[in-house]
């Protein structure tokens, strides 16, 4: 009887662990269907080599969208050179130009809502970013209102749901292709 009970316990535990693990999205509004909806749209409607600027709290964009990111806070390299490059990308994405003003954390607290256009342009030119994902909520899940024009709304809105916006930063790839075709 004890063997049967332990076998049933083992089988029950095996059932729990035999299912494939589902990756967690991230905190706040980045959990659930709206996050996966955004990722699905990106996967089905953007170039395979497109590069995205994603919010600070995201961890699963690359899994669900199958697209590259400029950098993710959670993906810390283990070698010195990689760590330095990663840190520079984090600074460029999530912090202000002036490192003497640590309160200016555009990406971390404001989810790119208050990021100056010059900062967005830096990500576009330095890293070749094609799209930016804006989380409409802060880290505590509160809706963020765009109180002042900062430049993010100047970029083409290509997708939106109740929690996220996806904006195209440029048509550089299309422009380059057109220039290549026009060149003799």
N, C-alpha and C. Protein backbone atom coordinates (compact mmCIF):
# COMPACT_ATOMS: atom_id res chain seq x y z
N UNK A 1 0.82 -1.18 0.00
CA UNK A 1 0.00 0.00 0.00
C UNK A 1 0.86 1.25 0.00
N UNK A 2 1.95 1.21 0.80
CA UNK A 2 2.84 2.36 0.86
C UNK A 2 3.50 2.61 -0.50
N UNK A 3 3.82 1.51 -1.21
CA UNK A 3 4.43 1.64 -2.54
C UNK A 3 3.45 2.30 -3.49
N UNK A 4 2.20 1.92 -3.43
CA UNK A 4 1.16 2.50 -4.28
C UNK A 4 0.99 3.98 -3.98
N UNK A 5 0.96 4.35 -2.71
CA UNK A 5 0.80 5.76 -2.32
C UNK A 5 1.99 6.59 -2.79
N UNK A 6 3.21 6.04 -2.62
CA UNK A 6 4.38 6.81 -3.05
C UNK A 6 4.42 6.91 -4.57
N UNK A 7 3.97 5.86 -5.26
CA UNK A 7 3.91 5.90 -6.72
C UNK A 7 2.92 6.95 -7.20
N UNK A 8 1.78 7.05 -6.54
CA UNK A 8 0.78 8.05 -6.91
C UNK A 8 1.31 9.46 -6.64
N UNK A 9 2.02 9.62 -5.53
CA UNK A 9 2.61 10.93 -5.21
C UNK A 9 3.63 11.31 -6.27
N UNK A 10 4.49 10.33 -6.64
CA UNK A 10 5.49 10.59 -7.66
C UNK A 10 4.83 10.94 -8.99
N UNK A 11 3.81 10.19 -9.38
CA UNK A 11 3.12 10.45 -10.64
C UNK A 11 2.48 11.83 -10.63
N UNK A 12 1.89 12.20 -9.51
CA UNK A 12 1.29 13.54 -9.40
C UNK A 12 2.33 14.63 -9.52
N UNK A 13 3.46 14.44 -8.87
CA UNK A 13 4.55 15.43 -8.97
C UNK A 13 5.09 15.47 -10.38
N UNK A 14 5.22 14.32 -11.02
CA UNK A 14 5.72 14.27 -12.38
C UNK A 14 4.80 15.04 -13.32
N UNK A 15 3.51 14.93 -13.09
CA UNK A 15 2.54 15.67 -13.91
C UNK A 15 2.75 17.17 -13.81
N UNK A 16 3.09 17.65 -12.63
CA UNK A 16 3.32 19.09 -12.44
C UNK A 16 4.57 19.55 -13.18
N UNK A 17 5.60 18.71 -13.20
CA UNK A 17 6.88 19.13 -13.76
C UNK A 17 7.06 18.72 -15.21
N UNK A 18 6.19 17.90 -15.75
CA UNK A 18 6.37 17.45 -17.12
C UNK A 18 5.81 18.45 -18.14
N UNK A 19 5.02 19.40 -17.68
CA UNK A 19 4.49 20.41 -18.60
C UNK A 19 5.60 21.39 -18.94
N UNK A 20 5.65 21.87 -20.19
CA UNK A 20 6.69 22.84 -20.52
C UNK A 20 6.52 24.12 -19.72
N UNK A 21 7.63 24.67 -19.27
CA UNK A 21 7.57 25.90 -18.50
C UNK A 21 7.20 27.06 -19.41
N UNK A 22 6.35 27.93 -18.92
CA UNK A 22 6.00 29.13 -19.66
C UNK A 22 6.81 30.28 -19.07
N UNK A 23 7.48 31.04 -19.91
CA UNK A 23 8.26 32.15 -19.37
C UNK A 23 7.37 33.23 -18.79
N UNK A 24 7.81 33.83 -17.72
CA UNK A 24 7.08 34.95 -17.15
C UNK A 24 7.34 36.17 -18.01
N UNK A 25 6.34 37.01 -18.14
CA UNK A 25 6.53 38.22 -18.92
C UNK A 25 7.34 39.20 -18.12
N UNK A 26 6.75 39.91 -17.24
CA UNK A 26 7.44 40.87 -16.40
C UNK A 26 6.43 41.46 -15.44
N UNK A 27 6.84 42.45 -14.70
CA UNK A 27 5.96 43.02 -13.69
C UNK A 27 4.98 44.00 -14.29
N UNK A 28 4.02 44.40 -13.48
CA UNK A 28 3.07 45.43 -13.90
C UNK A 28 2.19 44.97 -15.05
N UNK A 29 1.92 45.89 -15.95
CA UNK A 29 1.02 45.62 -17.07
C UNK A 29 1.64 44.67 -18.09
N UNK A 30 2.91 44.36 -17.93
CA UNK A 30 3.60 43.53 -18.90
C UNK A 30 3.33 42.05 -18.72
N UNK A 31 2.37 41.69 -17.92
CA UNK A 31 1.98 40.30 -17.77
C UNK A 31 0.76 40.05 -18.63
N UNK A 32 0.64 38.87 -19.10
CA UNK A 32 -0.61 38.45 -19.67
C UNK A 32 -0.85 38.74 -21.13
N UNK A 33 -2.12 38.78 -21.45
CA UNK A 33 -2.56 38.80 -22.84
C UNK A 33 -2.13 40.05 -23.60
N UNK A 34 -2.16 41.22 -22.99
CA UNK A 34 -1.79 42.43 -23.74
C UNK A 34 -0.31 42.41 -24.12
N UNK A 35 0.53 41.87 -23.26
CA UNK A 35 1.95 41.75 -23.58
C UNK A 35 2.15 40.77 -24.72
N UNK A 36 1.49 39.62 -24.64
CA UNK A 36 1.62 38.63 -25.70
C UNK A 36 1.02 39.13 -27.01
N UNK A 37 -0.04 39.92 -26.92
CA UNK A 37 -0.65 40.51 -28.11
C UNK A 37 0.35 41.43 -28.81
N UNK A 38 1.05 42.26 -28.04
CA UNK A 38 2.08 43.14 -28.60
C UNK A 38 3.19 42.32 -29.24
N UNK A 39 3.67 41.32 -28.54
CA UNK A 39 4.75 40.48 -29.06
C UNK A 39 4.33 39.74 -30.33
N UNK A 40 3.11 39.25 -30.35
CA UNK A 40 2.59 38.57 -31.54
C UNK A 40 2.55 39.52 -32.73
N UNK A 41 2.07 40.76 -32.49
CA UNK A 41 2.03 41.75 -33.56
C UNK A 41 3.45 42.01 -34.08
N UNK A 42 4.39 42.20 -33.18
CA UNK A 42 5.78 42.46 -33.59
C UNK A 42 6.33 41.29 -34.40
N UNK A 43 6.07 40.08 -33.95
CA UNK A 43 6.56 38.89 -34.65
C UNK A 43 5.98 38.78 -36.06
N UNK A 44 4.70 39.11 -36.20
CA UNK A 44 4.01 38.92 -37.48
C UNK A 44 4.08 40.12 -38.41
N UNK A 45 4.45 41.30 -37.90
CA UNK A 45 4.35 42.51 -38.72
C UNK A 45 5.61 43.36 -38.80
N UNK A 46 6.72 42.87 -38.28
CA UNK A 46 7.97 43.62 -38.37
C UNK A 46 9.04 42.75 -39.02
N UNK A 47 10.09 43.40 -39.47
CA UNK A 47 11.20 42.70 -40.12
C UNK A 47 11.87 41.77 -39.11
N UNK A 48 12.34 40.62 -39.57
CA UNK A 48 12.97 39.65 -38.67
C UNK A 48 14.23 40.20 -38.00
N UNK A 49 14.91 41.13 -38.67
CA UNK A 49 16.13 41.69 -38.08
C UNK A 49 15.89 43.03 -37.39
N UNK A 50 14.62 43.39 -37.17
CA UNK A 50 14.30 44.65 -36.49
C UNK A 50 14.80 44.61 -35.05
N UNK A 51 15.23 45.78 -34.57
CA UNK A 51 15.75 45.92 -33.21
C UNK A 51 14.82 46.81 -32.41
N UNK A 52 14.46 46.38 -31.20
CA UNK A 52 13.46 47.06 -30.38
C UNK A 52 14.07 47.62 -29.10
N UNK A 53 13.56 48.78 -28.69
CA UNK A 53 13.83 49.33 -27.37
C UNK A 53 12.62 48.94 -26.53
N UNK A 54 12.84 48.16 -25.47
CA UNK A 54 11.73 47.65 -24.67
C UNK A 54 11.81 48.19 -23.25
N UNK A 55 10.67 48.26 -22.55
CA UNK A 55 10.66 48.79 -21.18
C UNK A 55 11.56 48.03 -20.22
N UNK A 56 11.94 48.70 -19.18
CA UNK A 56 12.86 48.22 -18.15
C UNK A 56 12.44 46.88 -17.56
N UNK A 57 11.16 46.70 -17.32
CA UNK A 57 10.70 45.50 -16.61
C UNK A 57 10.51 44.29 -17.50
N UNK A 58 10.67 44.43 -18.80
CA UNK A 58 10.39 43.29 -19.67
C UNK A 58 11.53 42.29 -19.66
N UNK A 59 11.15 41.02 -19.81
CA UNK A 59 12.13 39.94 -19.86
C UNK A 59 11.88 38.97 -21.00
N UNK A 60 10.71 38.98 -21.57
CA UNK A 60 10.34 37.91 -22.50
C UNK A 60 10.04 38.38 -23.92
N UNK A 61 10.35 39.61 -24.23
CA UNK A 61 10.06 40.10 -25.58
C UNK A 61 10.75 39.23 -26.63
N UNK A 62 11.99 38.95 -26.42
CA UNK A 62 12.76 38.15 -27.39
C UNK A 62 12.13 36.77 -27.58
N UNK A 63 11.62 36.16 -26.51
CA UNK A 63 10.99 34.84 -26.62
C UNK A 63 9.71 34.90 -27.41
N UNK A 64 8.83 35.82 -27.02
CA UNK A 64 7.51 35.86 -27.64
C UNK A 64 7.51 36.52 -29.01
N UNK A 65 8.28 37.58 -29.20
CA UNK A 65 8.28 38.30 -30.48
C UNK A 65 9.30 37.74 -31.46
N UNK A 66 10.29 37.05 -30.93
CA UNK A 66 11.38 36.53 -31.76
C UNK A 66 12.09 37.65 -32.52
N UNK A 67 12.30 38.75 -31.81
CA UNK A 67 12.99 39.92 -32.35
C UNK A 67 14.05 40.37 -31.36
N UNK A 68 15.05 41.08 -31.87
CA UNK A 68 16.14 41.54 -31.03
C UNK A 68 15.80 42.79 -30.23
N UNK A 69 16.55 43.00 -29.16
CA UNK A 69 16.37 44.16 -28.29
C UNK A 69 17.70 44.90 -28.19
N UNK A 70 17.63 46.20 -27.98
CA UNK A 70 18.85 46.98 -27.77
C UNK A 70 19.55 46.46 -26.51
N UNK A 71 18.80 46.17 -25.49
CA UNK A 71 19.36 45.62 -24.27
C UNK A 71 18.26 45.39 -23.25
N UNK A 72 18.48 44.40 -22.39
CA UNK A 72 17.51 44.06 -21.36
C UNK A 72 18.23 44.03 -20.02
N UNK A 73 17.62 44.64 -19.03
CA UNK A 73 18.21 44.74 -17.70
C UNK A 73 18.59 43.37 -17.15
N UNK A 74 17.77 42.38 -17.41
CA UNK A 74 17.95 41.05 -16.83
C UNK A 74 19.09 40.26 -17.48
N UNK A 75 19.46 40.60 -18.71
CA UNK A 75 20.48 39.83 -19.44
C UNK A 75 21.88 40.36 -19.17
N UNK A 76 22.42 40.02 -18.02
CA UNK A 76 23.73 40.53 -17.63
C UNK A 76 24.81 39.56 -18.12
N UNK A 77 25.72 40.02 -18.98
CA UNK A 77 26.80 39.15 -19.46
C UNK A 77 27.76 38.78 -18.32
N UNK A 78 28.49 37.71 -18.51
CA UNK A 78 29.40 37.23 -17.47
C UNK A 78 30.86 37.53 -17.75
N UNK A 79 31.16 38.16 -18.90
CA UNK A 79 32.55 38.52 -19.18
C UNK A 79 32.72 40.03 -19.05
N UNK A 80 33.93 40.48 -18.78
CA UNK A 80 34.19 41.90 -18.49
C UNK A 80 33.80 42.80 -19.65
N UNK A 81 34.21 42.45 -20.87
CA UNK A 81 33.89 43.29 -22.03
C UNK A 81 32.39 43.37 -22.27
N UNK A 82 31.73 42.22 -22.19
CA UNK A 82 30.29 42.18 -22.38
C UNK A 82 29.55 42.96 -21.30
N UNK A 83 30.06 42.88 -20.08
CA UNK A 83 29.44 43.61 -18.97
C UNK A 83 29.54 45.11 -19.18
N UNK A 84 30.69 45.58 -19.65
CA UNK A 84 30.86 47.02 -19.91
C UNK A 84 29.92 47.49 -21.02
N UNK A 85 29.81 46.70 -22.09
CA UNK A 85 28.91 47.06 -23.19
C UNK A 85 27.45 47.05 -22.71
N UNK A 86 27.08 46.03 -21.94
CA UNK A 86 25.72 45.94 -21.40
C UNK A 86 25.41 47.15 -20.54
N UNK A 87 26.34 47.54 -19.66
CA UNK A 87 26.11 48.67 -18.77
C UNK A 87 25.92 49.96 -19.57
N UNK A 88 26.69 50.13 -20.63
CA UNK A 88 26.53 51.31 -21.47
C UNK A 88 25.15 51.33 -22.13
N UNK A 89 24.70 50.18 -22.59
CA UNK A 89 23.36 50.10 -23.19
C UNK A 89 22.27 50.42 -22.15
N UNK A 90 22.45 49.94 -20.93
CA UNK A 90 21.47 50.24 -19.88
C UNK A 90 21.45 51.73 -19.58
N UNK A 91 22.62 52.33 -19.50
CA UNK A 91 22.69 53.78 -19.26
C UNK A 91 22.02 54.54 -20.40
N UNK A 92 22.30 54.14 -21.63
CA UNK A 92 21.73 54.84 -22.78
C UNK A 92 20.21 54.70 -22.83
N UNK A 93 19.70 53.56 -22.43
CA UNK A 93 18.25 53.35 -22.51
C UNK A 93 17.48 53.91 -21.32
N UNK A 94 17.99 53.69 -20.14
CA UNK A 94 17.16 53.90 -18.96
C UNK A 94 17.54 55.08 -18.08
N UNK A 95 18.60 55.79 -18.43
CA UNK A 95 19.00 56.91 -17.59
C UNK A 95 19.18 58.17 -18.42
N UNK A 96 19.24 59.29 -17.74
CA UNK A 96 19.35 60.59 -18.39
C UNK A 96 20.75 60.81 -18.97
N UNK A 97 20.85 61.82 -19.82
CA UNK A 97 22.16 62.18 -20.37
C UNK A 97 23.11 62.62 -19.26
N UNK A 98 22.62 63.35 -18.29
CA UNK A 98 23.44 63.90 -17.22
C UNK A 98 23.47 62.91 -16.05
N UNK A 99 24.59 62.19 -15.90
CA UNK A 99 24.65 61.18 -14.84
C UNK A 99 24.68 61.80 -13.45
N UNK A 100 24.85 63.12 -13.37
CA UNK A 100 24.81 63.81 -12.07
C UNK A 100 23.38 64.03 -11.58
N UNK A 101 22.39 63.66 -12.41
CA UNK A 101 20.99 63.79 -12.03
C UNK A 101 20.35 62.40 -12.01
N UNK A 102 20.64 61.61 -10.99
CA UNK A 102 20.16 60.23 -10.97
C UNK A 102 18.64 60.10 -10.90
N UNK A 103 17.94 61.16 -10.56
CA UNK A 103 16.48 61.10 -10.51
C UNK A 103 15.85 61.05 -11.89
N UNK A 104 16.62 61.34 -12.92
CA UNK A 104 16.08 61.32 -14.27
C UNK A 104 16.19 59.92 -14.85
N UNK A 105 15.31 59.06 -14.48
CA UNK A 105 15.31 57.70 -14.98
C UNK A 105 14.15 57.53 -15.94
N UNK A 106 14.32 57.96 -17.15
CA UNK A 106 13.22 57.97 -18.12
C UNK A 106 12.63 56.60 -18.35
N UNK A 107 13.46 55.61 -18.52
CA UNK A 107 12.97 54.29 -18.83
C UNK A 107 12.47 53.52 -17.63
N UNK A 108 13.15 53.65 -16.50
CA UNK A 108 12.79 52.83 -15.34
C UNK A 108 11.45 53.24 -14.77
N UNK A 109 11.30 54.50 -14.41
CA UNK A 109 10.07 54.93 -13.75
C UNK A 109 9.00 55.34 -14.75
N UNK A 110 9.40 56.01 -15.81
CA UNK A 110 8.43 56.57 -16.73
C UNK A 110 8.15 55.73 -17.95
N UNK A 111 8.81 54.61 -18.10
CA UNK A 111 8.58 53.71 -19.21
C UNK A 111 8.66 54.41 -20.56
N UNK A 112 9.64 55.26 -20.73
CA UNK A 112 9.91 55.99 -21.96
C UNK A 112 8.93 57.12 -22.24
N UNK A 113 7.93 57.31 -21.38
CA UNK A 113 6.94 58.36 -21.60
C UNK A 113 7.59 59.73 -21.58
N UNK A 114 8.51 59.96 -20.69
CA UNK A 114 9.15 61.27 -20.57
C UNK A 114 10.54 61.32 -21.21
N UNK A 115 10.91 60.30 -21.96
CA UNK A 115 12.23 60.28 -22.58
C UNK A 115 12.32 61.37 -23.64
N UNK A 116 13.34 62.22 -23.58
CA UNK A 116 13.48 63.27 -24.59
C UNK A 116 13.74 62.67 -25.98
N UNK A 117 13.32 63.40 -26.99
CA UNK A 117 13.50 62.92 -28.36
C UNK A 117 14.98 62.70 -28.68
N UNK A 118 15.86 63.54 -28.13
CA UNK A 118 17.30 63.38 -28.36
C UNK A 118 17.79 62.02 -27.88
N UNK A 119 17.22 61.54 -26.79
CA UNK A 119 17.60 60.23 -26.24
C UNK A 119 17.11 59.11 -27.17
N UNK A 120 15.90 59.26 -27.69
CA UNK A 120 15.37 58.27 -28.63
C UNK A 120 16.23 58.24 -29.89
N UNK A 121 16.60 59.42 -30.38
CA UNK A 121 17.45 59.50 -31.57
C UNK A 121 18.82 58.86 -31.32
N UNK A 122 19.35 59.00 -30.10
CA UNK A 122 20.61 58.36 -29.76
C UNK A 122 20.49 56.84 -29.89
N UNK A 123 19.41 56.27 -29.37
CA UNK A 123 19.20 54.82 -29.46
C UNK A 123 19.05 54.38 -30.91
N UNK A 124 18.42 55.22 -31.69
CA UNK A 124 18.21 54.92 -33.11
C UNK A 124 19.54 54.93 -33.86
N UNK A 125 20.36 55.96 -33.64
CA UNK A 125 21.61 56.07 -34.41
C UNK A 125 22.72 55.19 -33.85
N UNK A 126 22.87 55.13 -32.54
CA UNK A 126 23.98 54.39 -31.93
C UNK A 126 23.79 52.87 -32.04
N UNK A 127 22.56 52.41 -31.86
CA UNK A 127 22.31 50.97 -31.83
C UNK A 127 21.50 50.45 -33.01
N UNK A 128 20.97 51.35 -33.83
CA UNK A 128 20.16 50.92 -34.96
C UNK A 128 18.76 50.49 -34.57
N UNK A 129 18.24 51.04 -33.48
CA UNK A 129 16.89 50.68 -33.02
C UNK A 129 15.86 51.07 -34.08
N UNK A 130 14.93 50.17 -34.34
CA UNK A 130 13.89 50.39 -35.33
C UNK A 130 12.55 50.73 -34.70
N UNK A 131 12.29 50.20 -33.49
CA UNK A 131 11.00 50.38 -32.83
C UNK A 131 11.22 50.65 -31.35
N UNK A 132 10.23 51.29 -30.73
CA UNK A 132 10.25 51.48 -29.28
C UNK A 132 8.90 51.05 -28.72
N UNK A 133 8.92 50.30 -27.63
CA UNK A 133 7.71 49.85 -26.94
C UNK A 133 7.52 50.73 -25.73
N UNK A 134 6.35 51.35 -25.63
CA UNK A 134 6.05 52.18 -24.46
C UNK A 134 5.00 51.48 -23.62
N UNK A 135 5.33 51.26 -22.36
CA UNK A 135 4.38 50.73 -21.39
C UNK A 135 3.55 51.91 -20.90
N UNK A 136 2.25 51.80 -20.94
CA UNK A 136 1.38 52.90 -20.53
C UNK A 136 1.19 52.97 -19.02
N UNK A 137 1.88 52.11 -18.28
CA UNK A 137 1.74 52.06 -16.82
C UNK A 137 3.11 52.15 -16.17
N UNK A 138 3.14 52.67 -14.95
CA UNK A 138 4.41 52.71 -14.22
C UNK A 138 4.65 51.37 -13.54
N UNK A 139 5.70 51.28 -12.76
CA UNK A 139 6.06 50.00 -12.13
C UNK A 139 5.04 49.51 -11.11
N UNK A 140 4.17 50.41 -10.65
CA UNK A 140 3.13 50.00 -9.70
C UNK A 140 1.79 49.76 -10.40
N UNK A 141 1.78 49.80 -11.73
CA UNK A 141 0.56 49.53 -12.48
C UNK A 141 -0.33 50.73 -12.70
N UNK A 142 0.11 51.92 -12.30
CA UNK A 142 -0.70 53.13 -12.50
C UNK A 142 -0.53 53.63 -13.92
N UNK A 143 -1.64 54.08 -14.51
CA UNK A 143 -1.61 54.60 -15.87
C UNK A 143 -0.76 55.87 -15.92
N UNK A 144 0.10 55.98 -16.93
CA UNK A 144 0.96 57.15 -17.09
C UNK A 144 0.34 58.05 -18.16
N UNK A 145 0.10 59.29 -17.80
CA UNK A 145 -0.42 60.25 -18.76
C UNK A 145 0.74 61.00 -19.39
N UNK A 146 0.63 61.28 -20.68
CA UNK A 146 1.65 62.09 -21.34
C UNK A 146 1.27 63.55 -21.11
N UNK A 147 1.83 64.15 -20.08
CA UNK A 147 1.49 65.52 -19.70
C UNK A 147 2.17 66.55 -20.59
N UNK A 148 3.37 66.25 -21.02
CA UNK A 148 4.10 67.19 -21.86
C UNK A 148 4.59 66.48 -23.11
N UNK A 149 4.67 67.21 -24.20
CA UNK A 149 5.20 66.63 -25.44
C UNK A 149 6.69 66.42 -25.26
N UNK A 150 7.12 65.22 -25.50
CA UNK A 150 8.55 64.93 -25.36
C UNK A 150 9.16 64.40 -26.63
N UNK A 151 8.35 64.04 -27.59
CA UNK A 151 8.88 63.56 -28.86
C UNK A 151 8.51 62.15 -29.21
N UNK A 152 8.15 61.31 -28.24
CA UNK A 152 7.84 59.92 -28.57
C UNK A 152 6.61 59.84 -29.48
N UNK A 153 5.68 60.78 -29.29
CA UNK A 153 4.48 60.75 -30.12
C UNK A 153 4.74 61.24 -31.54
N UNK A 154 5.94 61.75 -31.82
CA UNK A 154 6.30 62.14 -33.19
C UNK A 154 6.57 60.93 -34.07
N UNK A 155 6.80 59.79 -33.47
CA UNK A 155 7.09 58.58 -34.23
C UNK A 155 5.79 57.86 -34.56
N UNK A 156 5.81 57.16 -35.69
CA UNK A 156 4.61 56.48 -36.18
C UNK A 156 4.13 55.40 -35.20
N UNK A 157 2.87 55.49 -34.82
CA UNK A 157 2.24 54.48 -33.97
C UNK A 157 1.81 53.33 -34.87
N UNK A 158 2.37 52.15 -34.66
CA UNK A 158 2.04 51.00 -35.50
C UNK A 158 1.18 49.97 -34.79
N UNK A 159 1.13 50.04 -33.46
CA UNK A 159 0.30 49.10 -32.69
C UNK A 159 0.00 49.73 -31.34
N UNK A 160 -1.21 49.45 -30.85
CA UNK A 160 -1.58 49.94 -29.52
C UNK A 160 -2.65 49.03 -28.94
N UNK A 161 -2.53 48.76 -27.65
CA UNK A 161 -3.61 48.14 -26.90
C UNK A 161 -3.73 48.90 -25.58
N UNK A 162 -4.47 48.37 -24.63
CA UNK A 162 -4.71 49.16 -23.41
C UNK A 162 -3.46 49.35 -22.56
N UNK A 163 -2.45 48.53 -22.74
CA UNK A 163 -1.25 48.62 -21.91
C UNK A 163 0.01 49.09 -22.62
N UNK A 164 0.08 48.94 -23.94
CA UNK A 164 1.33 49.21 -24.66
C UNK A 164 1.11 49.97 -25.96
N UNK A 165 2.18 50.64 -26.38
CA UNK A 165 2.26 51.24 -27.71
C UNK A 165 3.54 50.73 -28.36
N UNK A 166 3.47 50.54 -29.67
CA UNK A 166 4.66 50.21 -30.45
C UNK A 166 4.80 51.28 -31.51
N UNK A 167 5.95 51.95 -31.51
CA UNK A 167 6.19 53.04 -32.45
C UNK A 167 7.42 52.72 -33.30
N UNK A 168 7.29 53.04 -34.59
CA UNK A 168 8.40 52.86 -35.54
C UNK A 168 9.29 54.08 -35.44
N UNK A 169 10.58 53.87 -35.23
CA UNK A 169 11.51 54.98 -35.08
C UNK A 169 11.94 55.55 -36.42
N UNK A 170 11.99 54.72 -37.44
CA UNK A 170 12.38 55.24 -38.75
C UNK A 170 12.11 54.20 -39.82
N UNK A 171 12.28 54.64 -41.03
CA UNK A 171 12.18 53.73 -42.16
C UNK A 171 13.56 53.58 -42.79
N UNK A 172 14.60 53.56 -41.98
CA UNK A 172 15.96 53.55 -42.51
C UNK A 172 16.22 52.37 -43.44
N UNK A 173 15.72 51.20 -43.11
CA UNK A 173 15.97 50.04 -43.97
C UNK A 173 15.29 50.21 -45.32
N UNK A 174 14.07 50.73 -45.31
CA UNK A 174 13.37 50.96 -46.57
C UNK A 174 14.05 52.07 -47.36
N UNK A 175 14.50 53.12 -46.65
CA UNK A 175 15.20 54.22 -47.32
C UNK A 175 16.50 53.74 -47.94
N UNK A 176 17.25 52.90 -47.23
CA UNK A 176 18.51 52.37 -47.76
C UNK A 176 18.25 51.49 -48.98
N UNK A 177 17.21 50.67 -48.93
CA UNK A 177 16.87 49.81 -50.06
C UNK A 177 16.49 50.65 -51.27
N UNK A 178 15.73 51.72 -51.05
CA UNK A 178 15.34 52.60 -52.14
C UNK A 178 16.56 53.31 -52.73
N UNK A 179 17.49 53.73 -51.88
CA UNK A 179 18.71 54.39 -52.35
C UNK A 179 19.57 53.41 -53.15
N UNK A 180 19.65 52.16 -52.69
CA UNK A 180 20.43 51.15 -53.41
C UNK A 180 19.86 50.90 -54.80
N UNK A 181 18.54 50.88 -54.91
CA UNK A 181 17.89 50.66 -56.20
C UNK A 181 18.07 51.86 -57.12
N UNK A 182 18.11 53.07 -56.55
CA UNK A 182 18.24 54.29 -57.34
C UNK A 182 19.68 54.53 -57.79
N UNK A 183 20.65 53.95 -57.08
CA UNK A 183 22.07 54.14 -57.42
C UNK A 183 22.41 53.40 -58.69
N UNK A 184 23.24 54.04 -59.58
CA UNK A 184 23.62 53.36 -60.85
C UNK A 184 24.62 52.25 -60.64
